[in-house]
Structure formats: C-alpha cells, structure tokens
Amino acid sequence: MNIALYMRLSKEDNELSDSKSITSQKMYLNDYIKRFNYDNVYEYVDDGYSGTNFNRPSFKKLLNDIEKQKIDTIITKDSSRLGRNISWVTFYVEEYFPSKKIRYIAIDDNYDSFANDSLSSEMLTFKSMFNDYYCKDISKKIKSSLYIKKIEGKFTGWKAPYGYLRSARDYHELVVDEKVRKTIEMIFSLATNDNTPSAIAKILNEKRIASPAVYAGLRNSKWTTKTVKDILQNPTYIGNMAQGKRKKINHKIKKSISIPPEQWIIKENTHEPIITKEVFSIVQKKLAKYPNIKNNRIKNQELINMMYCKECGSKIGLNYRKDNCYCVCNNYKKNYRNKSCTPHTFNYQELRKVIMNELNDEIRVITKIDVESIRSLIARKKLLENRIMTAEDYFLEQYIKLKNNIISQKQYHYDRINKEKEIKSIYEELSKTLKELKNKIAINQKRKQLLSNKELHLKMISKIYLAESGEIELLLNYSHH
C-alpha cells in the first residue's frame, strides 16, 4: 500500500482556523494512517493555494506520480482540502481516481471510495457543493468590500497607476510620483500638438524614457501605442479615481475582461491632478478623430497563435496595410537589419482560405474511412449473430437426437459444454464489436460536425509552419476528433 497524504491551505483558510493549518493537517493524517499496513508514504503540500485553482505544484506532482503508478491511495483531512470546485472534485473522485484504481479517503467526511457506501458518497457530493458555495460566497464578500472602497474613492489596485504612488499615510490614497510627473505632462503636451499615440510612443522610445513596465520593474518592454493611449484616456491624471476597468469572469476563473469606460467607477477630486481638465478634454476630442485601427483590422484572426516560421521557429505575426493584413516572421521584424530570417509574407485572408479548405478535405477523407470501417463492423456483427443462431439450432438438434436415442446422455452433455464455450466466445466477440461500432459511429458523427463548425475545425490544428518558399505545413491534433 503506497499512500499519498495531500494537504492544502489557502490564505483565507489560514485566517479562519488554526485547525486547518498545514502542521495540523500533517499531524492529523499521520495519526490516521497508523491503522494501515503500508509500504510507503508520500506527502504533498500546497500552502497558500485556493481550492478553486487545481493548477497547484504539489497537486500536479501528485497526478504525475499517479500516472507513474507510484501511489494507490490518497488521503485528505476532508474533501475541501482536495478542492472547492465541485466540477473538478467530482471529476477526480468519481472518474479519474477510479479509472487509475486509486483509493480516495476524506477522513472528516467519512468517505472511503473502497467502502461502496452510497450514503457517504452522496454526503461527499453535498459537501463539495457546500465548498463550492463557500468560495462563491467569500468571493462575493470580497467583491462587495472592494466595491464600497471604490465608490468611496479609495484606491484598491495592487499597483498605483504610472505617475502615482501609494500614500505612506494612507494605503488607499494616491500621491504624485515626482520622478515621472514630467513624462506624463510631456505625453499630454505632445497629444495637444496633434501627435498620435503611435507618434508619441516613438518619441518616448527615441528619448529612451523607461516605459511604465520597465519603471515598475515588471518586464523589459518599450512604449507602445496602447500604453500611450491608455494614459491619455485615464481620468486618474485629472485627479479622478478611475477603477473597475476589468472584471473577473467568476470566482473559479482567474481571467478577467475589459469593462467599457462608461461603466468604470469614477470618484472625482480624490487626489492631486497632474493634468488640467481643460487639457484632458482637448486630448479626448483629438483622440476621437483618429481612426480606430483595432476595429478596422481584419476579422477571423484565430490562426495567429498557431503560426510559426518554418526556417527559424519564431512565431508569425501580422502587419496591417489598409484593408489587408499580411503574415510576417517576428524574428525578421525585430532583427531585419541582421538578416536573421526572411519576411515570410503571406496574405492572411488567402492563407486562411487555403488552410480551412485543406482541413475540410482532411475531414472528408477520414470521414469516408470511418464509413468503410463502420460497414465492415456491421458485416462482422451480422456474421456473429448468425453464428449464435446456428449454435442455438445445434442445441435443438442435439436435444432431438438425445430424445430419439441417437446419442447418449454423456455425449449430449459433452457436446453442450463445448458448444457453450464456443457461444460464450462469440458473445464476447460480439460485445467487443458492438462497443467498437458504437465508438466508430460517435467519432463519425463528431467528424461530420467538424465540417460545419469552424471552432471545431480549429481544434484540429496543433501548429502551422510557413516557409519562405510558400509551402504551408499543417500539424494536426487528431485527439480532438
């Protein structure tokens, strides 16, 4: 018996109860396993990780060890230590662990997967629902608390906007960062003199002024059109606290979405302005006159993250020229003077048509193969069914021979035993054939859907390699269909 003791503690759990601490869990679990005769015990600890997030280092190591067949039993203090997302907890407890022949024990929930206790299983499901609700409730309370601070004009972000610092007196107040005040003033001054955000970014880079990301020590990046535009549109620089610009999808997903400016939470006159309201108003009017490049860009750019240069392996980006967009090797674009690669210029719209047509052809071919395979399985099914009917007729014939004293009782039983073995073998083969036929039909239906569903089409693509010669190489991922 190889036991895995899994322990997890989030920041919220740590604040609520000492009994949930890692030390407490470790003592509790080690005391519990004294009742077992075990060969090895492995400990997996995720300290400071939310229960809704299953992308935890030790949990991933645990899964890896399961795949290596290193463990056969997992024990947690309760199911909430495994996680607080009901969908994922249910998946692991009811599907993944049983498929790997893993015994799972949640001590405080009185759950043991080897006990076949339907009541404890139902209670575990209920507990998982409660844990999921708990996370949702905590998330709502945190959001509510932050919302109140935002409407009061208190800063709640993790980092002050470029040009400001958190006040040493009050963590929720902003004070001007004098080191970059002049940069902010320069940006707005250039904008009032009819310089576009793109032109301003170029000027700042030529002057070698550190971008906000570099200044904050986050990453090495230059000024971009978007960075400049975000500053020019931010009412923070006229003394108004602007928050709620992004919103998390839900408590289970870390990704967030942008919120339109008209839905931002803005509290006026909360801190010292760097720019006057008059200058800010002038700049907004000038920005409104510039074409929205983003809205004019070509649609259907779903292939962009799959494209790579065949020669150097770099990602392929896009260049926009009026109503068209063209592929370009990012390595060439950044280092064209060094001639480290070549342009790889493809018209993106034309490239997309070629790729989608090739995918359609590929799906038609494999669908046709499926049909032939299904026909072959149906023929095998009919053959096996006929063999079973023939065997049943044989039983009747032998029984008649027995009654007419043509064969002895001993011969009858001997023949019957042999025929039953044969029929059992036929039934096993028939069962296997029916299962295979069912899977083939399901796969065929899925592949037919691919022909009419663009999103499913794209899931087939693993990578697209573009060569300077014009050759296009598709790497397809057949596991998605």
Protein backbone atom coordinates (compact mmCIF):
# COMPACT_ATOMS: atom_id res chain seq x y z
CA MET A 1 0.00 0.00 0.00
CA ASN A 2 1.55 3.29 -1.16
CA ILE A 3 -0.18 6.24 0.49
CA ALA A 4 -0.25 9.89 -0.63
CA LEU A 5 -1.10 12.42 2.10
CA TYR A 6 -2.36 15.57 0.40
CA MET A 7 -2.51 18.86 2.32
CA ARG A 8 -3.67 22.27 1.11
CA LEU A 9 -4.16 25.65 2.77
CA SER A 10 -5.36 28.88 1.20
CA LYS A 11 -4.76 32.33 2.67
CA GLU A 12 -8.46 32.56 3.59
CA ASP A 13 -8.35 29.18 5.40
CA ASN A 14 -5.27 30.25 7.35
CA GLU A 15 -7.06 33.34 8.62
CA LEU A 16 -10.18 31.42 9.63
CA SER A 17 -8.88 28.47 11.66
CA ASP A 18 -5.65 27.10 13.12
CA SER A 19 -7.08 23.58 12.82
CA LYS A 20 -6.72 23.82 9.04
CA SER A 21 -3.01 24.70 9.16
CA ILE A 22 -0.55 22.51 7.27
CA THR A 23 1.08 21.40 10.53
CA SER A 24 -2.29 20.42 11.95
CA GLN A 25 -3.27 18.53 8.80
CA LYS A 26 0.07 16.69 8.74
CA MET A 27 -0.28 15.52 12.38
CA TYR A 28 -3.91 14.51 11.79
CA LEU A 29 -3.16 12.48 8.66
CA ASN A 30 -0.08 10.74 10.06
CA ASP A 31 -2.05 9.72 13.14
CA TYR A 32 -4.86 8.34 10.94
CA ILE A 33 -2.62 6.12 8.77
CA LYS A 34 -1.31 4.21 11.77
CA ARG A 35 -4.26 1.84 11.24
CA PHE A 36 -2.94 0.76 7.83
CA ASN A 37 -0.19 -1.62 6.81
CA TYR A 38 1.60 0.49 4.24
CA ASP A 39 4.81 0.26 2.22
CA ASN A 40 5.47 3.95 1.52
CA VAL A 41 4.02 7.33 2.50
CA TYR A 42 4.42 10.43 0.35
CA GLU A 43 3.46 13.94 1.42
CA TYR A 44 2.17 16.61 -0.98
CA VAL A 45 1.71 20.16 0.33
CA ASP A 46 0.19 23.20 -1.41
CA ASP A 47 0.42 26.10 1.03
CA GLY A 48 -1.29 29.35 0.01
CA TYR A 49 -3.28 27.95 -2.95
CA SER A 50 -7.01 28.48 -3.47
CA GLY A 51 -9.29 25.45 -3.58
CA THR A 52 -10.84 26.64 -6.84
CA ASN A 53 -7.46 26.51 -8.55
CA PHE A 54 -6.29 22.99 -9.43
CA ASN A 55 -3.13 24.27 -11.10
CA ARG A 56 -1.11 23.75 -7.91
CA PRO A 57 2.51 22.50 -7.97
CA SER A 58 2.17 19.65 -5.45
CA PHE A 59 -1.22 18.55 -6.79
CA LYS A 60 0.28 18.38 -10.29
CA LYS A 61 3.15 16.30 -8.87
CA LEU A 62 0.58 14.03 -7.22
CA LEU A 63 -1.15 13.48 -10.59
CA ASN A 64 2.21 12.79 -12.20
CA ASP A 65 3.00 10.17 -9.54
CA ILE A 66 -0.42 8.58 -10.11
CA GLU A 67 0.42 8.23 -13.80
CA LYS A 68 3.72 6.60 -12.82
CA GLN A 69 1.74 4.16 -10.62
CA LYS A 70 3.79 5.31 -7.66
CA ILE A 71 0.76 5.51 -5.32
CA ASP A 72 -2.54 3.68 -4.90
CA THR A 73 -4.22 5.57 -2.03
CA ILE A 74 -4.86 9.28 -1.46
CA ILE A 75 -5.91 10.63 1.93
CA THR A 76 -7.02 14.18 2.81
CA LYS A 77 -8.40 15.64 6.04
CA ASP A 78 -11.63 16.39 4.17
CA SER A 79 -12.75 16.89 0.57
CA SER A 80 -12.28 20.68 0.76
CA ARG A 81 -8.51 20.08 1.03
CA LEU A 82 -8.71 18.36 -2.36
CA GLY A 83 -10.55 21.39 -3.75
CA ARG A 84 -13.57 23.66 -3.57
CA ASN A 85 -14.64 23.49 -7.21
CA ILE A 86 -17.46 20.91 -7.38
CA SER A 87 -16.90 20.18 -11.08
CA TRP A 88 -13.23 19.28 -10.63
CA VAL A 89 -13.68 17.48 -7.29
CA THR A 90 -16.44 15.33 -8.83
CA PHE A 91 -14.24 14.60 -11.84
CA TYR A 92 -11.29 13.42 -9.75
CA VAL A 93 -13.29 11.46 -7.14
CA GLU A 94 -15.84 9.82 -9.45
CA GLU A 95 -13.91 9.48 -12.71
CA TYR A 96 -10.15 10.00 -12.62
CA PHE A 97 -9.25 8.19 -9.35
CA PRO A 98 -11.43 5.11 -10.11
CA SER A 99 -10.00 4.90 -13.66
CA LYS A 100 -6.50 4.72 -12.15
CA LYS A 101 -7.64 2.30 -9.39
CA ILE A 102 -6.85 4.89 -6.73
CA ARG A 103 -8.50 4.63 -3.32
CA TYR A 104 -9.56 8.05 -2.00
CA ILE A 105 -10.27 8.75 1.68
CA ALA A 106 -11.64 12.04 3.06
CA ILE A 107 -11.42 11.43 6.82
CA ASP A 108 -13.72 14.11 8.27
CA ASP A 109 -16.31 13.43 5.56
CA ASN A 110 -16.30 9.73 6.50
CA TYR A 111 -15.71 8.90 2.84
CA ASP A 112 -13.78 5.90 1.52
CA SER A 113 -14.12 5.09 -2.18
CA PHE A 114 -13.50 1.38 -1.46
CA ALA A 115 -16.40 1.21 1.03
CA ASN A 116 -19.14 1.29 -1.65
CA ASP A 117 -21.27 3.35 0.73
CA SER A 118 -23.85 5.24 -1.34
CA LEU A 119 -24.85 7.45 1.61
CA SER A 120 -21.29 8.68 2.26
CA SER A 121 -20.87 9.22 -1.49
CA GLU A 122 -23.99 11.39 -1.57
CA MET A 123 -22.78 13.28 1.50
CA LEU A 124 -19.43 13.93 -0.20
CA THR A 125 -21.27 15.37 -3.22
CA PHE A 126 -23.28 17.60 -0.88
CA LYS A 127 -20.10 18.68 0.92
CA SER A 128 -18.46 19.51 -2.43
CA MET A 129 -21.47 21.65 -3.34
CA PHE A 130 -21.14 23.43 0.01
CA ASN A 131 -17.40 24.01 -0.51
CA ASP A 132 -18.09 25.44 -3.96
CA TYR A 133 -20.76 27.72 -2.48
CA TYR A 134 -18.33 28.76 0.28
CA CYS A 135 -15.80 30.01 -2.31
CA LYS A 136 -18.52 31.81 -4.22
CA ASP A 137 -19.76 33.45 -1.00
CA ILE A 138 -16.24 34.55 0.03
CA SER A 139 -15.68 35.93 -3.49
CA LYS A 140 -18.92 37.94 -3.29
CA LYS A 141 -17.99 39.36 0.13
CA ILE A 142 -14.54 40.41 -1.11
CA LYS A 143 -16.06 42.00 -4.23
CA SER A 144 -18.66 43.80 -2.11
CA SER A 145 -15.98 45.15 0.21
CA LEU A 146 -13.82 46.33 -2.71
CA TYR A 147 -16.83 47.90 -4.45
CA ILE A 148 -17.61 50.00 -1.38
CA LYS A 149 -13.99 51.20 -1.25
CA LYS A 150 -14.09 52.06 -4.97
CA ILE A 151 -17.27 54.15 -4.78
CA GLU A 152 -15.73 55.94 -1.78
CA GLY A 153 -12.76 56.85 -3.97
CA LYS A 154 -10.25 54.62 -2.17
CA PHE A 155 -7.62 53.03 -4.37
CA THR A 156 -7.88 49.19 -4.33
CA GLY A 157 -5.45 48.14 -7.07
CA TRP A 158 -2.31 46.10 -6.46
CA LYS A 159 -0.10 48.76 -8.08
CA ALA A 160 -0.59 52.52 -8.38
CA PRO A 161 -1.08 53.89 -11.92
CA TYR A 162 2.04 55.16 -13.71
CA GLY A 163 2.68 58.69 -12.42
CA TYR A 164 1.41 57.99 -8.91
CA LEU A 165 2.47 56.20 -5.72
CA ARG A 166 0.51 54.91 -2.75
CA SER A 167 0.49 57.40 0.09
CA ALA A 168 2.66 56.49 3.07
CA ARG A 169 -0.09 57.94 5.28
CA ASP A 170 -2.99 56.00 3.76
CA TYR A 171 -2.54 52.90 1.60
CA HIS A 172 -5.76 53.71 -0.29
CA GLU A 173 -4.67 57.23 -1.30
CA LEU A 174 -2.57 58.27 -4.31
CA VAL A 175 0.21 60.85 -4.39
CA VAL A 176 2.09 62.13 -7.44
CA ASP A 177 5.33 60.36 -8.32
CA GLU A 178 7.53 63.38 -8.97
CA LYS A 179 10.07 61.24 -10.86
CA VAL A 180 7.68 60.74 -13.77
CA ARG A 181 5.41 63.80 -13.49
CA LYS A 182 7.22 65.48 -16.39
CA THR A 183 6.80 62.40 -18.58
CA ILE A 184 3.01 62.47 -18.08
CA GLU A 185 2.95 66.21 -18.81
CA MET A 186 5.06 65.64 -21.96
CA ILE A 187 2.70 62.92 -23.24
CA PHE A 188 -0.36 65.16 -22.91
CA SER A 189 1.53 68.14 -24.37
CA LEU A 190 2.53 66.11 -27.43
CA ALA A 191 -1.08 64.95 -27.81
CA THR A 192 -2.44 68.51 -27.77
CA ASN A 193 0.03 69.33 -30.57
CA ASP A 194 -1.60 66.72 -32.84
CA ASN A 195 0.82 63.86 -32.24
CA THR A 196 -0.89 60.46 -32.47
CA PRO A 197 -0.39 57.86 -29.71
CA SER A 198 1.84 55.93 -32.13
CA ALA A 199 3.99 59.02 -32.80
CA ILE A 200 4.22 59.78 -29.07
CA ALA A 201 5.36 56.22 -28.33
CA LYS A 202 8.09 56.58 -30.96
CA ILE A 203 9.29 59.89 -29.45
CA LEU A 204 9.41 58.41 -25.93
CA ASN A 205 11.39 55.40 -27.16
CA GLU A 206 13.83 57.65 -29.05
CA LYS A 207 14.35 59.67 -25.87
CA ARG A 208 14.97 56.36 -24.07
CA ILE A 209 12.41 57.12 -21.39
CA ALA A 210 11.59 53.99 -19.42
CA SER A 211 8.15 52.57 -20.17
CA PRO A 212 5.70 52.03 -17.25
CA ALA A 213 6.50 48.30 -17.20
CA VAL A 214 10.26 48.92 -17.09
CA TYR A 215 9.88 51.69 -14.50
CA ALA A 216 7.86 49.34 -12.25
CA GLY A 217 10.46 46.60 -12.71
CA LEU A 218 7.92 44.19 -14.23
CA ARG A 219 9.42 43.45 -17.64
CA ASN A 220 11.70 44.85 -20.33
CA SER A 221 9.36 46.48 -22.85
CA LYS A 222 9.15 49.65 -24.91
CA TRP A 223 6.45 52.28 -25.14
CA THR A 224 3.55 51.16 -27.34
CA THR A 225 0.59 52.89 -28.96
CA LYS A 226 -1.75 51.18 -26.49
CA THR A 227 0.29 52.24 -23.44
CA VAL A 228 0.22 55.88 -24.55
CA LYS A 229 -3.47 55.76 -25.43
CA ASP A 230 -4.35 54.21 -22.05
CA ILE A 231 -2.58 57.09 -20.29
CA LEU A 232 -4.24 59.73 -22.46
CA GLN A 233 -7.70 58.29 -21.73
CA ASN A 234 -7.18 57.77 -17.99
CA PRO A 235 -9.08 60.31 -15.83
CA THR A 236 -6.74 59.50 -12.92
CA TYR A 237 -4.41 62.24 -14.26
CA ILE A 238 -7.02 64.96 -13.66
CA GLY A 239 -7.48 63.92 -10.01
CA ASN A 240 -10.37 61.47 -10.50
CA MET A 241 -10.09 57.93 -9.15
CA ALA A 242 -10.99 55.59 -12.03
CA GLN A 243 -11.41 51.92 -11.07
CA GLY A 244 -13.35 48.82 -12.12
CA LYS A 245 -11.73 48.78 -15.56
CA ARG A 246 -11.55 44.99 -15.60
CA LYS A 247 -13.82 42.30 -14.19
CA LYS A 248 -13.13 38.65 -13.29
CA ILE A 249 -15.40 36.19 -15.09
CA ASN A 250 -16.19 34.30 -11.85
CA HIS A 251 -14.59 33.00 -8.66
CA LYS A 252 -13.28 29.88 -10.41
CA ILE A 253 -11.53 31.58 -13.32
CA LYS A 254 -8.62 33.99 -12.90
CA LYS A 255 -9.04 35.57 -16.33
CA SER A 256 -10.69 38.99 -16.47
CA ILE A 257 -12.43 41.01 -19.17
CA SER A 258 -12.20 44.72 -20.03
CA ILE A 259 -15.08 46.96 -18.97
CA PRO A 260 -16.19 49.88 -21.23
CA PRO A 261 -15.13 53.33 -19.89
CA GLU A 262 -18.75 54.36 -19.38
CA GLN A 263 -19.06 51.55 -16.77
CA TRP A 264 -15.91 52.46 -14.81
CA ILE A 265 -16.31 53.51 -11.17
CA ILE A 266 -15.12 57.11 -11.06
CA LYS A 267 -14.87 59.30 -7.97
CA GLU A 268 -13.89 62.91 -8.71
CA ASN A 269 -11.26 65.02 -6.96
CA THR A 270 -9.73 62.27 -4.80
CA HIS A 271 -6.06 63.19 -5.29
CA GLU A 272 -3.70 65.77 -6.80
CA PRO A 273 -4.08 66.08 -10.60
CA ILE A 274 -1.10 66.15 -12.97
CA ILE A 275 -3.08 67.44 -15.97
CA THR A 276 -5.79 70.10 -16.05
CA LYS A 277 -9.33 69.14 -17.01
CA GLU A 278 -9.14 71.53 -19.98
CA VAL A 279 -6.07 69.78 -21.44
CA PHE A 280 -7.63 66.34 -20.83
CA SER A 281 -10.83 67.41 -22.65
CA ILE A 282 -8.84 68.69 -25.66
CA VAL A 283 -6.92 65.43 -25.89
CA GLN A 284 -10.13 63.32 -25.79
CA LYS A 285 -11.55 65.28 -28.73
CA LYS A 286 -8.34 64.77 -30.72
CA LEU A 287 -8.26 61.04 -29.93
CA ALA A 288 -11.85 60.70 -31.17
CA LYS A 289 -10.78 61.94 -34.61
CA TYR A 290 -8.16 59.23 -35.09
CA PRO A 291 -9.37 56.05 -36.84
CA ASN A 292 -9.92 53.07 -34.58
CA ILE A 293 -7.29 50.78 -36.05
CA LYS A 294 -8.42 47.87 -33.92
CA ASN A 295 -11.97 47.96 -35.29
CA ASN A 296 -10.72 48.22 -38.87
CA ARG A 297 -8.44 45.21 -38.60
CA ILE A 298 -9.20 42.01 -40.40
CA LYS A 299 -11.56 39.61 -38.65
CA ASN A 300 -11.04 35.87 -38.22
CA GLN A 301 -7.55 36.06 -36.74
CA GLU A 302 -7.96 32.79 -34.87
CA LEU A 303 -4.94 31.21 -36.59
CA ILE A 304 -2.45 33.80 -35.35
CA ASN A 305 -1.39 31.87 -32.21
CA MET A 306 -0.78 28.69 -34.23
CA MET A 307 1.55 30.09 -36.91
CA TYR A 308 5.33 29.58 -36.82
CA CYS A 309 8.26 30.27 -39.15
CA LYS A 310 9.46 27.07 -40.84
CA GLU A 311 13.04 28.35 -41.07
CA CYS A 312 13.76 29.83 -37.61
CA GLY A 313 10.85 28.58 -35.48
CA SER A 314 9.74 32.06 -34.35
CA LYS A 315 6.07 32.96 -34.14
CA ILE A 316 4.41 34.57 -37.16
CA GLY A 317 2.76 37.94 -36.58
CA LEU A 318 0.56 40.19 -38.70
CA ASN A 319 1.16 43.53 -40.43
CA TYR A 320 -1.79 45.71 -41.43
CA ARG A 321 -1.95 47.66 -44.68
CA LYS A 322 -5.22 49.44 -45.30
CA ASP A 323 -7.87 46.72 -45.71
CA ASN A 324 -5.41 43.82 -45.85
CA CYS A 325 -3.19 42.07 -43.39
CA TYR A 326 -0.05 40.07 -44.09
CA CYS A 327 1.91 37.44 -42.18
CA VAL A 328 5.45 38.29 -41.13
CA CYS A 329 8.14 36.40 -39.20
CA ASN A 330 8.52 38.12 -35.81
CA ASN A 331 12.24 37.32 -35.79
CA TYR A 332 12.67 39.08 -39.15
CA LYS A 333 10.52 42.01 -37.99
CA LYS A 334 12.64 42.59 -34.88
CA ASN A 335 16.06 41.85 -36.41
CA TYR A 336 15.68 42.59 -40.12
CA ARG A 337 18.95 44.53 -40.19
CA ASN A 338 20.84 41.43 -39.03
CA LYS A 339 19.15 39.34 -41.75
CA SER A 340 18.48 36.65 -39.15
CA CYS A 341 15.47 35.49 -41.16
CA THR A 342 13.25 36.39 -44.13
CA PRO A 343 9.83 38.16 -44.23
CA HIS A 344 7.57 35.15 -44.96
CA THR A 345 4.95 37.46 -46.45
CA PHE A 346 1.58 35.76 -46.89
CA ASN A 347 -1.80 37.40 -47.43
CA TYR A 348 -3.58 36.32 -44.24
CA GLN A 349 -7.09 36.10 -45.76
CA GLU A 350 -5.86 33.92 -48.62
CA LEU A 351 -3.80 31.77 -46.25
CA ARG A 352 -6.86 31.22 -44.04
CA LYS A 353 -8.95 30.08 -47.03
CA VAL A 354 -6.28 27.58 -48.07
CA ILE A 355 -5.97 26.15 -44.56
CA MET A 356 -9.73 25.85 -44.00
CA ASN A 357 -10.14 24.11 -47.38
CA GLU A 358 -7.33 21.69 -46.54
CA LEU A 359 -8.96 20.92 -43.21
CA ASN A 360 -12.27 20.23 -44.96
CA ASP A 361 -10.55 17.83 -47.35
CA GLU A 362 -8.81 16.07 -44.46
CA ILE A 363 -12.10 15.65 -42.54
CA ARG A 364 -13.87 14.30 -45.64
CA VAL A 365 -11.12 11.70 -46.13
CA ILE A 366 -11.16 10.46 -42.55
CA THR A 367 -14.99 10.51 -42.51
CA LYS A 368 -15.01 8.32 -45.63
CA ILE A 369 -12.56 5.92 -43.93
CA ASP A 370 -14.91 5.85 -40.93
CA VAL A 371 -17.86 4.86 -43.14
CA GLU A 372 -15.91 1.94 -44.61
CA SER A 373 -14.85 0.87 -41.13
CA ILE A 374 -18.46 1.06 -39.88
CA ARG A 375 -19.67 -1.06 -42.80
CA SER A 376 -17.00 -3.67 -42.00
CA LEU A 377 -18.07 -3.75 -38.33
CA ILE A 378 -21.77 -4.09 -39.25
CA ALA A 379 -20.89 -7.05 -41.51
CA ARG A 380 -18.91 -8.66 -38.68
CA LYS A 381 -21.84 -8.07 -36.29
CA LYS A 382 -24.26 -9.85 -38.65
CA LEU A 383 -21.84 -12.75 -39.08
CA LEU A 384 -21.52 -13.22 -35.32
CA GLU A 385 -25.31 -13.01 -34.82
CA ASN A 386 -25.76 -15.70 -37.49
CA ARG A 387 -23.19 -17.92 -35.72
CA ILE A 388 -25.16 -17.56 -32.47
CA MET A 389 -28.41 -18.52 -34.23
CA THR A 390 -26.67 -21.54 -35.81
CA ALA A 391 -25.37 -22.59 -32.37
CA GLU A 392 -28.86 -22.33 -30.89
CA ASP A 393 -30.21 -24.55 -33.73
CA TYR A 394 -27.43 -27.03 -32.92
CA PHE A 395 -28.66 -27.30 -29.32
CA LEU A 396 -32.16 -28.13 -30.56
CA GLU A 397 -30.82 -30.74 -32.99
CA GLN A 398 -28.72 -32.41 -30.30
CA TYR A 399 -31.65 -32.46 -27.90
CA ILE A 400 -33.82 -34.22 -30.51
CA LYS A 401 -31.02 -36.77 -31.11
CA LEU A 402 -30.88 -37.39 -27.35
CA LYS A 403 -34.62 -37.98 -27.11
CA ASN A 404 -34.50 -40.34 -30.09
CA ASN A 405 -31.58 -42.26 -28.51
CA ILE A 406 -29.31 -41.38 -31.40
CA ILE A 407 -26.68 -40.01 -28.96
CA SER A 408 -26.01 -40.82 -25.31
CA GLN A 409 -26.59 -38.55 -22.33
CA LYS A 410 -22.83 -38.35 -21.82
CA GLN A 411 -22.24 -37.35 -25.45
CA TYR A 412 -25.02 -34.76 -25.23
CA HIS A 413 -23.52 -33.08 -22.16
CA TYR A 414 -20.02 -33.19 -23.63
CA ASP A 415 -21.20 -31.53 -26.88
CA ARG A 416 -23.26 -28.98 -24.95
CA ILE A 417 -20.32 -27.88 -22.77
CA ASN A 418 -18.09 -27.41 -25.82
CA LYS A 419 -20.78 -25.50 -27.71
CA GLU A 420 -21.48 -23.24 -24.72
CA LYS A 421 -17.79 -22.31 -24.59
CA GLU A 422 -17.95 -21.50 -28.30
CA ILE A 423 -21.09 -19.38 -27.84
CA LYS A 424 -19.53 -17.54 -24.90
CA SER A 425 -16.54 -16.69 -27.08
CA ILE A 426 -18.87 -15.50 -29.86
CA TYR A 427 -20.83 -13.31 -27.44
CA GLU A 428 -17.59 -11.76 -26.12
CA GLU A 429 -16.50 -11.00 -29.67
CA LEU A 430 -19.96 -9.60 -30.45
CA SER A 431 -19.87 -7.38 -27.36
CA LYS A 432 -16.44 -6.08 -28.37
CA THR A 433 -17.68 -5.48 -31.93
CA LEU A 434 -20.79 -3.58 -30.75
CA LYS A 435 -18.66 -1.39 -28.48
CA GLU A 436 -16.24 -0.66 -31.31
CA LEU A 437 -19.14 0.03 -33.68
CA LYS A 438 -20.72 2.44 -31.18
CA ASN A 439 -17.42 4.33 -30.79
CA LYS A 440 -16.88 4.50 -34.55
CA ILE A 441 -20.40 5.89 -35.13
CA ALA A 442 -19.85 8.51 -32.38
CA ILE A 443 -16.49 9.53 -33.89
CA ASN A 444 -18.05 9.68 -37.37
CA GLN A 445 -20.84 11.97 -36.11
CA LYS A 446 -18.27 14.20 -34.43
CA ARG A 447 -16.23 14.43 -37.61
CA LYS A 448 -19.34 15.33 -39.60
CA GLN A 449 -19.93 18.19 -37.16
CA LEU A 450 -16.39 19.41 -37.89
CA LEU A 451 -17.36 20.11 -41.50
CA SER A 452 -19.93 22.70 -40.39
CA ASN A 453 -18.35 24.06 -37.21
CA LYS A 454 -15.45 26.50 -37.56
CA GLU A 455 -14.43 26.33 -33.89
CA LEU A 456 -14.15 22.54 -34.04
CA HIS A 457 -12.13 22.89 -37.25
CA LEU A 458 -9.55 24.97 -35.43
CA LYS A 459 -9.19 22.48 -32.57
CA MET A 460 -7.70 20.08 -35.10
CA ILE A 461 -4.73 22.37 -35.69
CA SER A 462 -1.71 21.98 -33.44
CA LYS A 463 0.72 24.20 -35.39
CA ILE A 464 1.04 25.88 -38.79
CA TYR A 465 4.54 26.24 -40.28
CA LEU A 466 5.04 28.82 -43.04
CA ALA A 467 8.11 28.57 -45.28
CA GLU A 468 9.60 31.45 -47.30
CA SER A 469 9.09 29.29 -50.42
CA GLY A 470 5.32 29.49 -49.89
CA GLU A 471 4.99 25.97 -48.52
CA ILE A 472 2.40 25.53 -45.76
CA GLU A 473 2.75 22.64 -43.29
CA LEU A 474 -0.15 21.74 -41.00
CA LEU A 475 0.38 19.69 -37.85
CA LEU A 476 -2.99 18.22 -36.90
CA ASN A 477 -4.04 17.05 -33.47
CA TYR A 478 -6.34 14.07 -34.06
CA SER A 479 -7.13 13.67 -30.36
CA HIS A 480 -9.69 16.47 -30.71
CA HIS A 481 -11.80 14.46 -33.14
